[in-house]
Amino acid sequence: MNTRLLILLLGMACLTFTACDNDDDEPMMTEDTLYQKLGGTTMVTDPAGGMIEQGRLGLRSVVDSSIFVIAADPVLSPYFASLLAEVGNGNTTKLAILSENLTDFFCVATGAENYTYDGMDMVSAHDPAQNPRMAEKSTDAAYDAFIAAVAEGAMQNNVPEDLIGEVGALLETLRADVVQQ
């Protein structure tokens, strides 16, 4: 078993066991959202210019790194054939849109309050009949590869292993919507 998958599985197991530990006699402590753990709303300099929330910058960096991992993965690259062809021809417009949409999605999904996700729902986005940019319906194996690609993108950006596990657990909640084959 590769290291990325092992990290994700351990993280998901830890979340499962700690989520079930609820002693009604103790007051509930509010835990930081995953977005807060990833840097939250602290403003930092954006390498692309201006200022940006540290959480968003971190998620955008993971998304962009993950996109490169996906492009190099023979299991995943066929799903992005039109995007890769456009980038190969020097057109990065749709790549920038994908990065922005995925970053928005991850910000909202991890608990950011200052962003919205206006993209397609996960079922529609991964159904070629509703989204012509989706080359084919996803399989469990492809979704496993996607989760591993996001874990690799997170590791490339020095995201702590426990937070990578939380991201993996979050992605796992979307499997039923994404995998349609």
N, C-alpha and C. Protein backbone atom coordinates (compact mmCIF):
# COMPACT_ATOMS: atom_id res chain seq x y z
N MET A 1 0.86 -1.17 0.00
CA MET A 1 0.00 0.00 0.00
C MET A 1 0.90 1.23 0.00
N ASN A 2 0.58 2.21 -0.86
CA ASN A 2 1.46 3.37 -0.92
C ASN A 2 1.23 4.30 0.27
N THR A 3 2.18 5.15 0.53
CA THR A 3 2.18 6.02 1.69
C THR A 3 1.01 6.98 1.68
N ARG A 4 0.69 7.54 0.53
CA ARG A 4 -0.41 8.51 0.46
C ARG A 4 -1.72 7.88 0.89
N LEU A 5 -2.01 6.70 0.36
CA LEU A 5 -3.25 6.03 0.69
C LEU A 5 -3.29 5.65 2.16
N LEU A 6 -2.16 5.21 2.70
CA LEU A 6 -2.09 4.85 4.11
C LEU A 6 -2.37 6.06 4.99
N ILE A 7 -1.81 7.21 4.65
CA ILE A 7 -2.04 8.44 5.41
C ILE A 7 -3.52 8.79 5.39
N LEU A 8 -4.14 8.71 4.22
CA LEU A 8 -5.56 9.01 4.11
C LEU A 8 -6.40 8.06 4.94
N LEU A 9 -6.11 6.78 4.85
CA LEU A 9 -6.89 5.78 5.60
C LEU A 9 -6.74 5.98 7.10
N LEU A 10 -5.53 6.25 7.57
CA LEU A 10 -5.32 6.50 8.99
C LEU A 10 -6.06 7.75 9.45
N GLY A 11 -6.00 8.79 8.63
CA GLY A 11 -6.71 10.02 8.96
C GLY A 11 -8.21 9.82 9.03
N MET A 12 -8.75 9.05 8.08
CA MET A 12 -10.18 8.79 8.10
C MET A 12 -10.56 7.94 9.30
N ALA A 13 -9.72 6.98 9.67
CA ALA A 13 -10.01 6.15 10.83
C ALA A 13 -10.00 7.00 12.10
N CYS A 14 -9.03 7.88 12.23
CA CYS A 14 -8.96 8.76 13.41
C CYS A 14 -10.21 9.63 13.50
N LEU A 15 -10.64 10.18 12.36
CA LEU A 15 -11.84 11.01 12.37
C LEU A 15 -13.06 10.21 12.76
N THR A 16 -13.15 9.00 12.26
CA THR A 16 -14.30 8.15 12.56
C THR A 16 -14.37 7.87 14.05
N PHE A 17 -13.27 7.47 14.65
CA PHE A 17 -13.27 7.13 16.06
C PHE A 17 -13.46 8.34 16.96
N THR A 18 -12.88 9.46 16.62
CA THR A 18 -13.04 10.65 17.47
C THR A 18 -14.42 11.26 17.29
N ALA A 19 -15.02 11.12 16.11
CA ALA A 19 -16.36 11.65 15.90
C ALA A 19 -17.39 10.89 16.72
N CYS A 20 -17.13 9.62 17.01
CA CYS A 20 -18.07 8.80 17.76
C CYS A 20 -17.92 8.98 19.27
N ASP A 21 -16.90 9.65 19.73
CA ASP A 21 -16.63 9.82 21.16
C ASP A 21 -17.38 11.06 21.64
N ASN A 22 -18.62 10.87 22.06
CA ASN A 22 -19.43 11.98 22.50
C ASN A 22 -19.99 11.66 23.88
N ASP A 23 -19.41 12.23 24.88
CA ASP A 23 -19.88 12.04 26.25
C ASP A 23 -20.84 13.18 26.56
N ASP A 24 -22.12 12.84 26.73
CA ASP A 24 -23.15 13.85 26.93
C ASP A 24 -22.98 14.64 28.23
N ASP A 25 -22.17 14.13 29.17
CA ASP A 25 -21.96 14.83 30.43
C ASP A 25 -20.96 15.98 30.30
N GLU A 26 -20.20 15.99 29.23
CA GLU A 26 -19.19 17.02 29.05
C GLU A 26 -19.70 18.07 28.07
N PRO A 27 -19.40 19.36 28.32
CA PRO A 27 -19.83 20.39 27.37
C PRO A 27 -19.10 20.21 26.03
N MET A 28 -19.81 20.49 24.96
CA MET A 28 -19.23 20.38 23.63
C MET A 28 -18.25 21.54 23.40
N MET A 29 -17.05 21.20 22.98
CA MET A 29 -16.07 22.21 22.64
C MET A 29 -16.19 22.46 21.14
N THR A 30 -16.18 23.70 20.75
CA THR A 30 -16.23 23.97 19.32
C THR A 30 -14.82 23.80 18.77
N GLU A 31 -14.73 22.94 17.80
CA GLU A 31 -13.45 22.64 17.17
C GLU A 31 -13.25 23.56 15.97
N ASP A 32 -12.02 23.91 15.72
CA ASP A 32 -11.72 24.70 14.54
C ASP A 32 -12.17 23.95 13.30
N THR A 33 -12.66 24.71 12.31
CA THR A 33 -12.98 24.08 11.03
C THR A 33 -11.67 23.69 10.35
N LEU A 34 -11.78 22.82 9.38
CA LEU A 34 -10.60 22.44 8.61
C LEU A 34 -10.02 23.68 7.92
N TYR A 35 -10.87 24.59 7.48
CA TYR A 35 -10.38 25.82 6.85
C TYR A 35 -9.53 26.62 7.84
N GLN A 36 -10.00 26.71 9.09
CA GLN A 36 -9.22 27.43 10.10
C GLN A 36 -7.89 26.74 10.35
N LYS A 37 -7.90 25.41 10.40
CA LYS A 37 -6.67 24.66 10.61
C LYS A 37 -5.68 24.85 9.46
N LEU A 38 -6.20 25.14 8.28
CA LEU A 38 -5.34 25.34 7.11
C LEU A 38 -4.87 26.79 6.98
N GLY A 39 -5.14 27.61 7.96
CA GLY A 39 -4.67 28.99 7.93
C GLY A 39 -5.76 30.01 8.14
N GLY A 40 -6.99 29.62 7.85
CA GLY A 40 -8.14 30.48 8.12
C GLY A 40 -8.11 31.81 7.42
N THR A 41 -8.61 32.81 8.13
CA THR A 41 -8.83 34.12 7.53
C THR A 41 -7.67 35.09 7.71
N THR A 42 -6.58 34.62 8.27
CA THR A 42 -5.39 35.48 8.40
C THR A 42 -4.97 35.94 7.01
N MET A 43 -4.83 37.23 6.83
CA MET A 43 -4.46 37.77 5.53
C MET A 43 -2.95 37.68 5.32
N VAL A 44 -2.57 37.20 4.14
CA VAL A 44 -1.16 37.07 3.77
C VAL A 44 -0.99 37.59 2.35
N THR A 45 0.25 37.81 1.97
CA THR A 45 0.54 38.26 0.61
C THR A 45 0.34 37.12 -0.36
N ASP A 46 -0.41 37.38 -1.42
CA ASP A 46 -0.65 36.40 -2.48
C ASP A 46 0.49 36.50 -3.49
N PRO A 47 1.18 35.40 -3.76
CA PRO A 47 2.24 35.44 -4.77
C PRO A 47 1.74 35.92 -6.14
N ALA A 48 0.43 35.80 -6.39
CA ALA A 48 -0.14 36.26 -7.65
C ALA A 48 -0.48 37.74 -7.60
N GLY A 49 -0.28 38.37 -6.43
CA GLY A 49 -0.56 39.79 -6.27
C GLY A 49 -1.67 40.04 -5.28
N GLY A 50 -1.53 41.08 -4.50
CA GLY A 50 -2.55 41.45 -3.53
C GLY A 50 -2.45 40.64 -2.25
N MET A 51 -3.55 40.62 -1.53
CA MET A 51 -3.64 39.90 -0.27
C MET A 51 -4.70 38.80 -0.41
N ILE A 52 -4.55 37.76 0.39
CA ILE A 52 -5.45 36.61 0.32
C ILE A 52 -5.50 35.97 1.69
N GLU A 53 -6.64 35.34 1.99
CA GLU A 53 -6.72 34.59 3.24
C GLU A 53 -5.75 33.42 3.17
N GLN A 54 -5.06 33.16 4.25
CA GLN A 54 -4.07 32.10 4.29
C GLN A 54 -4.70 30.74 3.98
N GLY A 55 -5.91 30.50 4.47
CA GLY A 55 -6.59 29.24 4.18
C GLY A 55 -6.85 29.08 2.70
N ARG A 56 -7.32 30.13 2.05
CA ARG A 56 -7.59 30.06 0.61
C ARG A 56 -6.30 29.87 -0.18
N LEU A 57 -5.25 30.59 0.19
CA LEU A 57 -3.97 30.43 -0.51
C LEU A 57 -3.48 29.00 -0.39
N GLY A 58 -3.57 28.43 0.81
CA GLY A 58 -3.13 27.06 1.01
C GLY A 58 -3.95 26.08 0.17
N LEU A 59 -5.26 26.26 0.17
CA LEU A 59 -6.12 25.37 -0.62
C LEU A 59 -5.86 25.54 -2.12
N ARG A 60 -5.69 26.79 -2.57
CA ARG A 60 -5.40 27.02 -3.99
C ARG A 60 -4.08 26.36 -4.37
N SER A 61 -3.10 26.43 -3.50
CA SER A 61 -1.80 25.80 -3.78
C SER A 61 -1.95 24.29 -3.88
N VAL A 62 -2.74 23.69 -2.99
CA VAL A 62 -2.98 22.24 -3.04
C VAL A 62 -3.73 21.88 -4.32
N VAL A 63 -4.76 22.66 -4.65
CA VAL A 63 -5.53 22.40 -5.88
C VAL A 63 -4.62 22.46 -7.10
N ASP A 64 -3.82 23.51 -7.21
CA ASP A 64 -2.96 23.65 -8.39
C ASP A 64 -1.93 22.53 -8.47
N SER A 65 -1.34 22.16 -7.35
CA SER A 65 -0.40 21.04 -7.34
C SER A 65 -1.11 19.74 -7.72
N SER A 66 -2.31 19.56 -7.19
CA SER A 66 -3.07 18.34 -7.48
C SER A 66 -3.42 18.24 -8.96
N ILE A 67 -3.73 19.37 -9.58
CA ILE A 67 -4.05 19.37 -11.02
C ILE A 67 -2.86 18.84 -11.81
N PHE A 68 -1.65 19.22 -11.45
CA PHE A 68 -0.46 18.71 -12.15
C PHE A 68 -0.26 17.21 -11.90
N VAL A 69 -0.54 16.76 -10.68
CA VAL A 69 -0.45 15.32 -10.38
C VAL A 69 -1.48 14.56 -11.23
N ILE A 70 -2.68 15.10 -11.31
CA ILE A 70 -3.76 14.48 -12.10
C ILE A 70 -3.37 14.40 -13.57
N ALA A 71 -2.82 15.48 -14.09
CA ALA A 71 -2.45 15.52 -15.51
C ALA A 71 -1.41 14.46 -15.85
N ALA A 72 -0.55 14.13 -14.90
CA ALA A 72 0.50 13.15 -15.14
C ALA A 72 0.05 11.72 -14.85
N ASP A 73 -1.13 11.54 -14.30
CA ASP A 73 -1.61 10.22 -13.90
C ASP A 73 -2.36 9.57 -15.07
N PRO A 74 -1.89 8.42 -15.55
CA PRO A 74 -2.55 7.78 -16.69
C PRO A 74 -3.98 7.31 -16.39
N VAL A 75 -4.32 7.12 -15.13
CA VAL A 75 -5.70 6.75 -14.77
C VAL A 75 -6.61 7.97 -14.86
N LEU A 76 -6.12 9.14 -14.48
CA LEU A 76 -6.95 10.34 -14.39
C LEU A 76 -6.92 11.23 -15.63
N SER A 77 -5.80 11.29 -16.31
CA SER A 77 -5.68 12.22 -17.43
C SER A 77 -6.75 12.03 -18.51
N PRO A 78 -7.23 10.81 -18.80
CA PRO A 78 -8.29 10.70 -19.81
C PRO A 78 -9.58 11.45 -19.45
N TYR A 79 -9.84 11.63 -18.18
CA TYR A 79 -11.03 12.36 -17.76
C TYR A 79 -10.92 13.85 -18.09
N PHE A 80 -9.72 14.31 -18.29
CA PHE A 80 -9.46 15.74 -18.53
C PHE A 80 -8.88 15.97 -19.92
N ALA A 81 -9.25 15.14 -20.88
CA ALA A 81 -8.67 15.19 -22.22
C ALA A 81 -8.84 16.57 -22.87
N SER A 82 -10.04 17.16 -22.78
CA SER A 82 -10.25 18.45 -23.43
C SER A 82 -9.41 19.54 -22.76
N LEU A 83 -9.34 19.51 -21.45
CA LEU A 83 -8.55 20.50 -20.72
C LEU A 83 -7.07 20.36 -21.07
N LEU A 84 -6.57 19.14 -21.09
CA LEU A 84 -5.15 18.93 -21.39
C LEU A 84 -4.83 19.32 -22.83
N ALA A 85 -5.76 19.09 -23.74
CA ALA A 85 -5.54 19.50 -25.14
C ALA A 85 -5.49 21.03 -25.23
N GLU A 86 -6.37 21.72 -24.51
CA GLU A 86 -6.37 23.19 -24.52
C GLU A 86 -5.06 23.73 -23.96
N VAL A 87 -4.62 23.18 -22.83
CA VAL A 87 -3.37 23.63 -22.23
C VAL A 87 -2.20 23.34 -23.16
N GLY A 88 -2.23 22.17 -23.81
CA GLY A 88 -1.19 21.82 -24.79
C GLY A 88 -1.12 22.79 -25.94
N ASN A 89 -2.25 23.43 -26.25
CA ASN A 89 -2.30 24.43 -27.33
C ASN A 89 -2.07 25.84 -26.81
N GLY A 90 -1.69 25.97 -25.54
CA GLY A 90 -1.38 27.28 -24.97
C GLY A 90 -2.57 28.03 -24.40
N ASN A 91 -3.74 27.41 -24.36
CA ASN A 91 -4.93 28.06 -23.83
C ASN A 91 -5.15 27.58 -22.39
N THR A 92 -4.90 28.46 -21.44
CA THR A 92 -5.03 28.10 -20.02
C THR A 92 -6.29 28.68 -19.37
N THR A 93 -7.19 29.21 -20.18
CA THR A 93 -8.41 29.83 -19.65
C THR A 93 -9.22 28.85 -18.80
N LYS A 94 -9.51 27.68 -19.34
CA LYS A 94 -10.33 26.70 -18.61
C LYS A 94 -9.57 26.11 -17.43
N LEU A 95 -8.26 26.04 -17.52
CA LEU A 95 -7.44 25.58 -16.40
C LEU A 95 -7.60 26.55 -15.22
N ALA A 96 -7.56 27.85 -15.51
CA ALA A 96 -7.73 28.86 -14.46
C ALA A 96 -9.13 28.76 -13.85
N ILE A 97 -10.13 28.51 -14.69
CA ILE A 97 -11.51 28.36 -14.20
C ILE A 97 -11.62 27.13 -13.31
N LEU A 98 -11.02 26.01 -13.74
CA LEU A 98 -11.03 24.79 -12.93
C LEU A 98 -10.37 25.04 -11.57
N SER A 99 -9.22 25.69 -11.58
CA SER A 99 -8.51 25.98 -10.33
C SER A 99 -9.38 26.84 -9.41
N GLU A 100 -10.00 27.87 -9.96
CA GLU A 100 -10.85 28.77 -9.17
C GLU A 100 -12.06 28.01 -8.60
N ASN A 101 -12.73 27.21 -9.46
CA ASN A 101 -13.91 26.47 -8.99
C ASN A 101 -13.55 25.45 -7.91
N LEU A 102 -12.47 24.70 -8.13
CA LEU A 102 -12.05 23.72 -7.13
C LEU A 102 -11.63 24.39 -5.82
N THR A 103 -10.95 25.52 -5.93
CA THR A 103 -10.55 26.25 -4.73
C THR A 103 -11.77 26.74 -3.98
N ASP A 104 -12.74 27.32 -4.70
CA ASP A 104 -13.99 27.75 -4.07
C ASP A 104 -14.67 26.58 -3.38
N PHE A 105 -14.75 25.44 -4.09
CA PHE A 105 -15.40 24.26 -3.55
C PHE A 105 -14.72 23.83 -2.25
N PHE A 106 -13.38 23.71 -2.29
CA PHE A 106 -12.65 23.29 -1.10
C PHE A 106 -12.78 24.30 0.04
N CYS A 107 -12.79 25.60 -0.28
CA CYS A 107 -12.96 26.60 0.77
C CYS A 107 -14.29 26.40 1.48
N VAL A 108 -15.36 26.29 0.72
CA VAL A 108 -16.69 26.12 1.31
C VAL A 108 -16.78 24.79 2.06
N ALA A 109 -16.28 23.72 1.43
CA ALA A 109 -16.38 22.38 2.04
C ALA A 109 -15.58 22.25 3.33
N THR A 110 -14.53 23.06 3.48
CA THR A 110 -13.71 22.98 4.69
C THR A 110 -14.14 23.99 5.75
N GLY A 111 -15.18 24.77 5.47
CA GLY A 111 -15.73 25.65 6.49
C GLY A 111 -15.46 27.14 6.35
N ALA A 112 -14.94 27.57 5.22
CA ALA A 112 -14.72 29.01 5.02
C ALA A 112 -16.06 29.72 4.98
N GLU A 113 -16.12 30.87 5.58
CA GLU A 113 -17.38 31.62 5.62
C GLU A 113 -17.41 32.74 4.59
N ASN A 114 -16.27 33.11 4.02
CA ASN A 114 -16.21 34.27 3.14
C ASN A 114 -16.29 33.92 1.66
N TYR A 115 -16.57 32.66 1.33
CA TYR A 115 -16.59 32.24 -0.07
C TYR A 115 -17.85 31.45 -0.36
N THR A 116 -18.20 31.42 -1.62
CA THR A 116 -19.31 30.60 -2.07
C THR A 116 -18.83 29.74 -3.24
N TYR A 117 -19.48 28.62 -3.41
CA TYR A 117 -19.22 27.75 -4.55
C TYR A 117 -20.45 27.83 -5.45
N ASP A 118 -20.25 28.34 -6.66
CA ASP A 118 -21.35 28.53 -7.60
C ASP A 118 -21.29 27.54 -8.76
N GLY A 119 -20.40 26.55 -8.65
CA GLY A 119 -20.26 25.57 -9.72
C GLY A 119 -21.38 24.55 -9.70
N MET A 120 -21.25 23.58 -10.59
CA MET A 120 -22.25 22.52 -10.70
C MET A 120 -22.21 21.65 -9.44
N ASP A 121 -23.36 21.01 -9.14
CA ASP A 121 -23.36 20.04 -8.06
C ASP A 121 -22.51 18.85 -8.50
N MET A 122 -22.08 18.04 -7.56
CA MET A 122 -21.13 16.96 -7.85
C MET A 122 -21.69 15.90 -8.81
N VAL A 123 -22.96 15.59 -8.72
CA VAL A 123 -23.54 14.60 -9.63
C VAL A 123 -23.50 15.14 -11.05
N SER A 124 -23.97 16.36 -11.26
CA SER A 124 -23.99 16.96 -12.61
C SER A 124 -22.59 17.17 -13.15
N ALA A 125 -21.69 17.64 -12.31
CA ALA A 125 -20.32 17.93 -12.76
C ALA A 125 -19.59 16.69 -13.25
N HIS A 126 -19.97 15.52 -12.73
CA HIS A 126 -19.26 14.29 -13.08
C HIS A 126 -20.06 13.39 -14.01
N ASP A 127 -21.13 13.92 -14.58
CA ASP A 127 -21.95 13.19 -15.53
C ASP A 127 -21.71 13.78 -16.92
N PRO A 128 -21.08 13.02 -17.83
CA PRO A 128 -20.80 13.54 -19.17
C PRO A 128 -22.05 14.01 -19.92
N ALA A 129 -23.21 13.47 -19.61
CA ALA A 129 -24.44 13.90 -20.26
C ALA A 129 -24.82 15.33 -19.85
N GLN A 130 -24.40 15.75 -18.66
CA GLN A 130 -24.72 17.09 -18.16
C GLN A 130 -23.53 18.04 -18.23
N ASN A 131 -22.33 17.48 -18.31
CA ASN A 131 -21.11 18.28 -18.35
C ASN A 131 -20.22 17.74 -19.47
N PRO A 132 -20.27 18.35 -20.64
CA PRO A 132 -19.49 17.83 -21.78
C PRO A 132 -17.98 17.87 -21.56
N ARG A 133 -17.51 18.58 -20.56
CA ARG A 133 -16.06 18.61 -20.28
C ARG A 133 -15.62 17.36 -19.53
N MET A 134 -16.58 16.61 -19.01
CA MET A 134 -16.27 15.34 -18.34
C MET A 134 -16.25 14.26 -19.42
N ALA A 135 -15.09 13.69 -19.65
CA ALA A 135 -14.91 12.77 -20.77
C ALA A 135 -15.67 11.46 -20.60
N GLU A 136 -15.77 10.98 -19.38
CA GLU A 136 -16.47 9.71 -19.13
C GLU A 136 -16.87 9.67 -17.67
N LYS A 137 -17.75 8.73 -17.34
CA LYS A 137 -18.17 8.58 -15.95
C LYS A 137 -17.04 8.01 -15.12
N SER A 138 -16.96 8.46 -13.90
CA SER A 138 -15.88 8.07 -13.00
C SER A 138 -16.13 6.69 -12.40
N THR A 139 -15.02 6.00 -12.15
CA THR A 139 -15.05 4.70 -11.48
C THR A 139 -14.49 4.86 -10.06
N ASP A 140 -14.69 3.83 -9.25
CA ASP A 140 -14.09 3.84 -7.91
C ASP A 140 -12.57 3.96 -7.99
N ALA A 141 -11.96 3.25 -8.94
CA ALA A 141 -10.49 3.29 -9.08
C ALA A 141 -10.02 4.70 -9.44
N ALA A 142 -10.77 5.38 -10.31
CA ALA A 142 -10.38 6.74 -10.67
C ALA A 142 -10.56 7.68 -9.48
N TYR A 143 -11.61 7.48 -8.70
CA TYR A 143 -11.82 8.34 -7.54
C TYR A 143 -10.74 8.10 -6.49
N ASP A 144 -10.34 6.84 -6.32
CA ASP A 144 -9.22 6.55 -5.42
C ASP A 144 -7.96 7.29 -5.89
N ALA A 145 -7.72 7.27 -7.20
CA ALA A 145 -6.56 7.96 -7.77
C ALA A 145 -6.67 9.47 -7.56
N PHE A 146 -7.89 10.01 -7.67
CA PHE A 146 -8.10 11.44 -7.44
C PHE A 146 -7.78 11.80 -5.99
N ILE A 147 -8.29 11.02 -5.05
CA ILE A 147 -8.01 11.29 -3.64
C ILE A 147 -6.50 11.22 -3.38
N ALA A 148 -5.84 10.23 -3.97
CA ALA A 148 -4.39 10.12 -3.82
C ALA A 148 -3.68 11.32 -4.44
N ALA A 149 -4.19 11.82 -5.57
CA ALA A 149 -3.59 12.99 -6.22
C ALA A 149 -3.72 14.23 -5.33
N VAL A 150 -4.87 14.39 -4.69
CA VAL A 150 -5.06 15.52 -3.78
C VAL A 150 -4.12 15.38 -2.57
N ALA A 151 -3.98 14.16 -2.08
CA ALA A 151 -3.05 13.93 -0.96
C ALA A 151 -1.62 14.28 -1.39
N GLU A 152 -1.25 13.89 -2.59
CA GLU A 152 0.10 14.21 -3.10
C GLU A 152 0.26 15.73 -3.24
N GLY A 153 -0.76 16.40 -3.77
CA GLY A 153 -0.71 17.86 -3.88
C GLY A 153 -0.58 18.51 -2.51
N ALA A 154 -1.27 17.96 -1.53
CA ALA A 154 -1.18 18.50 -0.16
C ALA A 154 0.22 18.27 0.42
N MET A 155 0.77 17.07 0.20
CA MET A 155 2.12 16.79 0.70
C MET A 155 3.15 17.70 0.05
N GLN A 156 2.98 17.99 -1.24
CA GLN A 156 3.89 18.90 -1.94
C GLN A 156 3.87 20.29 -1.32
N ASN A 157 2.77 20.62 -0.66
CA ASN A 157 2.63 21.94 -0.03
C ASN A 157 2.77 21.88 1.48
N ASN A 158 3.37 20.80 1.97
CA ASN A 158 3.68 20.64 3.40
C ASN A 158 2.47 20.73 4.32
N VAL A 159 1.32 20.25 3.85
CA VAL A 159 0.15 20.17 4.71
C VAL A 159 0.40 19.03 5.70
N PRO A 160 0.17 19.25 6.98
CA PRO A 160 0.39 18.20 7.97
C PRO A 160 -0.47 16.95 7.68
N GLU A 161 0.10 15.80 7.99
CA GLU A 161 -0.55 14.53 7.68
C GLU A 161 -1.95 14.41 8.27
N ASP A 162 -2.16 14.90 9.50
CA ASP A 162 -3.49 14.79 10.09
C ASP A 162 -4.52 15.59 9.30
N LEU A 163 -4.11 16.74 8.75
CA LEU A 163 -5.04 17.54 7.95
C LEU A 163 -5.27 16.90 6.59
N ILE A 164 -4.25 16.23 6.04
CA ILE A 164 -4.45 15.50 4.79
C ILE A 164 -5.48 14.41 5.01
N GLY A 165 -5.43 13.75 6.15
CA GLY A 165 -6.44 12.75 6.48
C GLY A 165 -7.84 13.34 6.56
N GLU A 166 -7.95 14.55 7.11
CA GLU A 166 -9.26 15.21 7.18
C GLU A 166 -9.77 15.56 5.78
N VAL A 167 -8.87 16.01 4.91
CA VAL A 167 -9.27 16.30 3.53
C VAL A 167 -9.71 15.01 2.84
N GLY A 168 -8.98 13.93 3.06
CA GLY A 168 -9.36 12.63 2.49
C GLY A 168 -10.73 12.18 2.96
N ALA A 169 -11.01 12.37 4.25
CA ALA A 169 -12.31 12.00 4.79
C ALA A 169 -13.41 12.85 4.17
N LEU A 170 -13.14 14.13 3.97
CA LEU A 170 -14.09 15.02 3.32
C LEU A 170 -14.37 14.55 1.89
N LEU A 171 -13.32 14.23 1.15
CA LEU A 171 -13.50 13.76 -0.23
C LEU A 171 -14.26 12.44 -0.27
N GLU A 172 -14.03 11.61 0.70
CA GLU A 172 -14.72 10.31 0.74
C GLU A 172 -16.24 10.50 0.84
N THR A 173 -16.69 11.57 1.48
CA THR A 173 -18.13 11.81 1.59
C THR A 173 -18.78 12.11 0.25
N LEU A 174 -17.98 12.41 -0.76
CA LEU A 174 -18.50 12.75 -2.09
C LEU A 174 -18.50 11.58 -3.05
N ARG A 175 -17.95 10.45 -2.63
CA ARG A 175 -17.79 9.29 -3.54
C ARG A 175 -19.09 8.91 -4.25
N ALA A 176 -20.19 8.81 -3.52
CA ALA A 176 -21.45 8.37 -4.13
C ALA A 176 -21.94 9.32 -5.23
N ASP A 177 -21.64 10.60 -5.10
CA ASP A 177 -22.04 11.58 -6.12
C ASP A 177 -21.10 11.57 -7.33
N VAL A 178 -19.82 11.34 -7.08
CA VAL A 178 -18.83 11.44 -8.15
C VAL A 178 -18.74 10.15 -8.95
N VAL A 179 -18.70 9.01 -8.26
CA VAL A 179 -18.55 7.72 -8.95
C VAL A 179 -19.93 7.33 -9.51
N GLN A 180 -20.00 7.28 -10.82
CA GLN A 180 -21.28 7.00 -11.48
C GLN A 180 -21.21 5.78 -12.39
N GLN A 181 -20.18 5.00 -12.26
CA GLN A 181 -20.02 3.82 -13.10
C GLN A 181 -19.73 2.60 -12.26
